[in-house]
Protein backbone atom coordinates (compact mmCIF):
# COMPACT_ATOMS: atom_id res chain seq x y z
CA MET A 1 181.30 115.73 105.06
CA ASP A 2 181.21 118.09 107.59
CA LEU A 3 184.37 117.76 109.76
CA THR A 4 183.86 120.28 112.30
CA ASN A 5 184.87 119.28 116.08
CA LYS A 6 186.19 115.52 114.15
CA ALA A 7 189.41 114.57 114.77
CA ILE A 8 191.54 112.23 111.91
CA TRP A 9 193.53 109.78 113.43
CA GLN A 10 195.93 107.40 112.11
CA GLN A 11 195.83 103.65 113.08
CA ALA A 12 198.28 101.24 112.10
CA ALA A 13 196.77 97.50 111.69
CA GLY A 14 200.56 95.80 112.25
CA ASP A 15 203.74 96.73 110.59
CA THR A 16 205.68 95.05 107.32
CA ASP A 17 205.92 91.98 108.99
CA ARG A 18 202.71 91.65 111.05
CA ASP A 19 199.41 92.86 108.78
CA TYR A 20 196.01 92.68 110.56
CA SER A 21 194.45 94.87 108.14
CA GLU A 22 192.13 91.98 106.49
CA LEU A 23 190.64 91.38 110.24
CA CYS A 24 190.23 94.78 110.91
CA ILE A 25 188.06 95.47 107.74
CA LYS A 26 186.22 92.47 108.36
CA TRP A 27 185.10 92.90 112.10
CA ASP A 28 184.71 96.68 111.84
CA ALA A 29 187.47 97.14 114.47
CA ILE A 30 190.43 98.94 115.27
CA LEU A 31 193.35 97.45 117.69
CA ASN A 32 195.62 98.69 119.83
CA GLY A 33 197.84 96.80 121.74
CA PRO A 34 199.60 95.40 124.01
CA GLY A 35 196.25 94.48 126.93
CA HIS A 36 197.64 92.01 128.88
CA ALA A 37 198.51 94.84 131.44
CA GLY A 38 195.16 95.42 131.99
CA ARG A 39 192.76 97.94 130.76
CA TRP A 40 193.61 102.24 130.60
CA PRO A 41 194.75 103.80 132.92
CA ASP A 42 195.57 101.11 134.66
CA CYS A 43 198.00 99.44 132.03
CA ALA A 44 200.05 102.83 132.33
CA LYS A 45 202.17 102.36 134.83
CA PRO A 46 203.21 98.22 134.66
CA LEU A 47 203.60 98.91 130.82
CA LEU A 48 206.12 101.14 131.69
CA ALA A 49 208.28 99.49 134.16
CA ALA A 50 208.12 96.54 131.40
CA GLY A 51 210.00 98.94 129.28
CA TRP A 52 207.34 100.09 126.90
CA LEU A 53 208.31 103.69 125.93
CA PRO A 54 206.23 106.91 126.92
CA LYS A 55 205.13 107.58 123.34
CA LYS A 56 203.36 104.05 123.48
CA ILE A 57 201.42 104.95 126.63
CA ALA A 58 201.04 108.31 124.98
CA ASP A 59 199.37 106.19 122.13
CA LEU A 60 197.46 104.35 124.41
CA LYS A 61 195.67 107.40 126.10
CA CYS A 62 194.68 108.66 122.60
CA PHE A 63 193.03 105.76 121.72
CA ALA A 64 191.44 105.13 125.32
CA GLU A 65 190.19 109.32 125.82
CA ASP A 66 190.84 111.02 122.98
CA MET A 67 189.83 109.23 120.00
CA THR A 68 185.69 109.79 120.07
CA ASP A 69 182.60 108.49 118.16
CA GLY A 70 182.28 110.05 114.82
CA ASP A 71 185.92 110.67 114.66
CA LEU A 72 187.79 109.26 111.29
CA VAL A 73 190.64 106.91 111.25
CA VAL A 74 192.97 106.39 108.29
CA LEU A 75 193.68 102.16 108.86
CA ARG A 76 197.18 101.98 107.71
CA ILE A 77 200.36 99.57 107.42
CA GLY A 78 203.38 100.32 108.41
CA THR A 79 204.31 104.35 108.16
CA ALA A 80 203.76 104.14 103.71
CA THR A 81 200.52 102.38 103.27
CA VAL A 82 197.11 103.40 103.48
CA LEU A 83 194.31 100.10 103.78
CA ALA A 84 191.22 102.08 104.29
CA VAL A 85 189.41 105.05 106.18
CA GLY A 86 186.67 104.12 108.46
CA GLN A 87 184.47 105.85 111.73
CA ILE A 88 183.94 105.38 114.78
CA VAL A 89 181.41 104.47 116.01
CA GLY A 90 181.74 103.20 119.29
CA PRO A 91 183.92 103.72 123.13
CA TYR A 92 187.32 102.05 123.95
CA GLU A 93 186.62 98.63 124.70
CA TRP A 94 189.04 96.14 127.00
CA HIS A 95 188.34 92.67 127.95
CA ALA A 96 190.15 90.98 130.91
CA ALA A 97 189.55 87.47 129.59
CA GLU A 98 191.77 87.28 126.82
CA THR A 99 189.50 87.28 123.92
CA ARG A 100 190.37 85.76 120.31
CA LEU A 101 189.23 87.29 116.38
CA PRO A 102 189.58 84.49 114.21
CA GLY A 103 193.43 84.70 114.12
CA LEU A 104 193.95 87.02 116.59
CA ARG A 105 194.56 87.45 120.07
CA VAL A 106 193.25 91.03 121.35
CA GLN A 107 191.80 92.72 124.09
CA ARG A 108 191.64 96.03 123.45
CA GLY A 109 189.97 97.72 120.44
CA ARG A 110 187.35 100.14 119.57
CA ARG A 111 184.49 99.65 116.78
CA CYS A 112 185.23 101.55 113.26
CA SER A 113 183.19 101.26 109.99
CA ILE A 114 185.67 100.75 107.96
CA GLY A 115 186.12 101.34 103.72
CA ASN A 116 187.58 98.86 102.27
CA GLY A 117 187.95 100.46 99.03
CA SER A 118 184.61 100.39 98.40
CA GLY A 119 183.42 104.04 98.62
CA MET A 120 184.12 105.03 101.73
CA GLU A 121 187.77 106.43 100.82
CA ALA A 122 185.86 108.44 97.69
CA ASP A 123 183.30 109.51 100.34
CA LEU A 124 185.90 111.50 102.41
CA LYS A 125 187.39 112.87 99.35
CA SER A 126 183.93 114.33 97.76
CA ASN A 127 182.44 115.42 101.34
CA ILE A 128 179.65 112.52 100.51
CA PRO A 129 178.53 112.18 104.34
CA LEU A 130 179.56 108.83 105.16
CA GLN A 131 177.00 106.16 106.47
CA ARG A 132 177.67 104.61 109.40
CA ARG A 133 177.34 101.04 110.27
CA ALA A 134 176.39 101.32 114.02
CA ALA A 135 173.51 98.60 113.82
CA ARG A 136 176.22 95.63 112.87
CA CYS A 137 178.40 97.41 115.07
CA PRO A 138 177.69 96.01 118.79
CA PRO A 139 180.59 95.71 121.16
CA LEU A 140 183.50 93.45 120.37
CA ASN A 141 183.21 90.92 122.83
CA SER A 142 180.09 89.96 121.07
CA HIS A 143 181.75 88.65 117.68
CA VAL A 144 185.23 87.13 119.60
CA ASN A 145 185.30 83.97 120.64
CA ARG A 146 186.51 83.39 124.30
CA ARG A 147 189.63 80.93 125.10
CA ASN A 148 188.77 77.98 127.47
């Protein structure tokens, strides 16, 4: 696998008390909240004013601006458990209307072809090119149910 000009990102799928990994893997998505303050970069000032730390604002900036199509993502829970490895297959998305993946409200995300132990991690380790599932990774709002 050619890693030239590709970044490798870590993305949490929750923490030890909130585990969203099954949803991320099932829906080929990585998520980053909070989304209630609006899309990036408009959310930065309101979040800072509400007490969110600058580190979180920097995290949102990376998620929205720096991750690019083709970059790799290590999906993890907490700080110690790696669950899967994926490849970004779409742009940053934010949806004004609160949307829901089954079991999770989400407004900010990216499509990511995620391996769930079925070979993608082995591909990364053995330099076999990752298969991109862009054809089955439409925009997030095509797979969510609008809340009434």
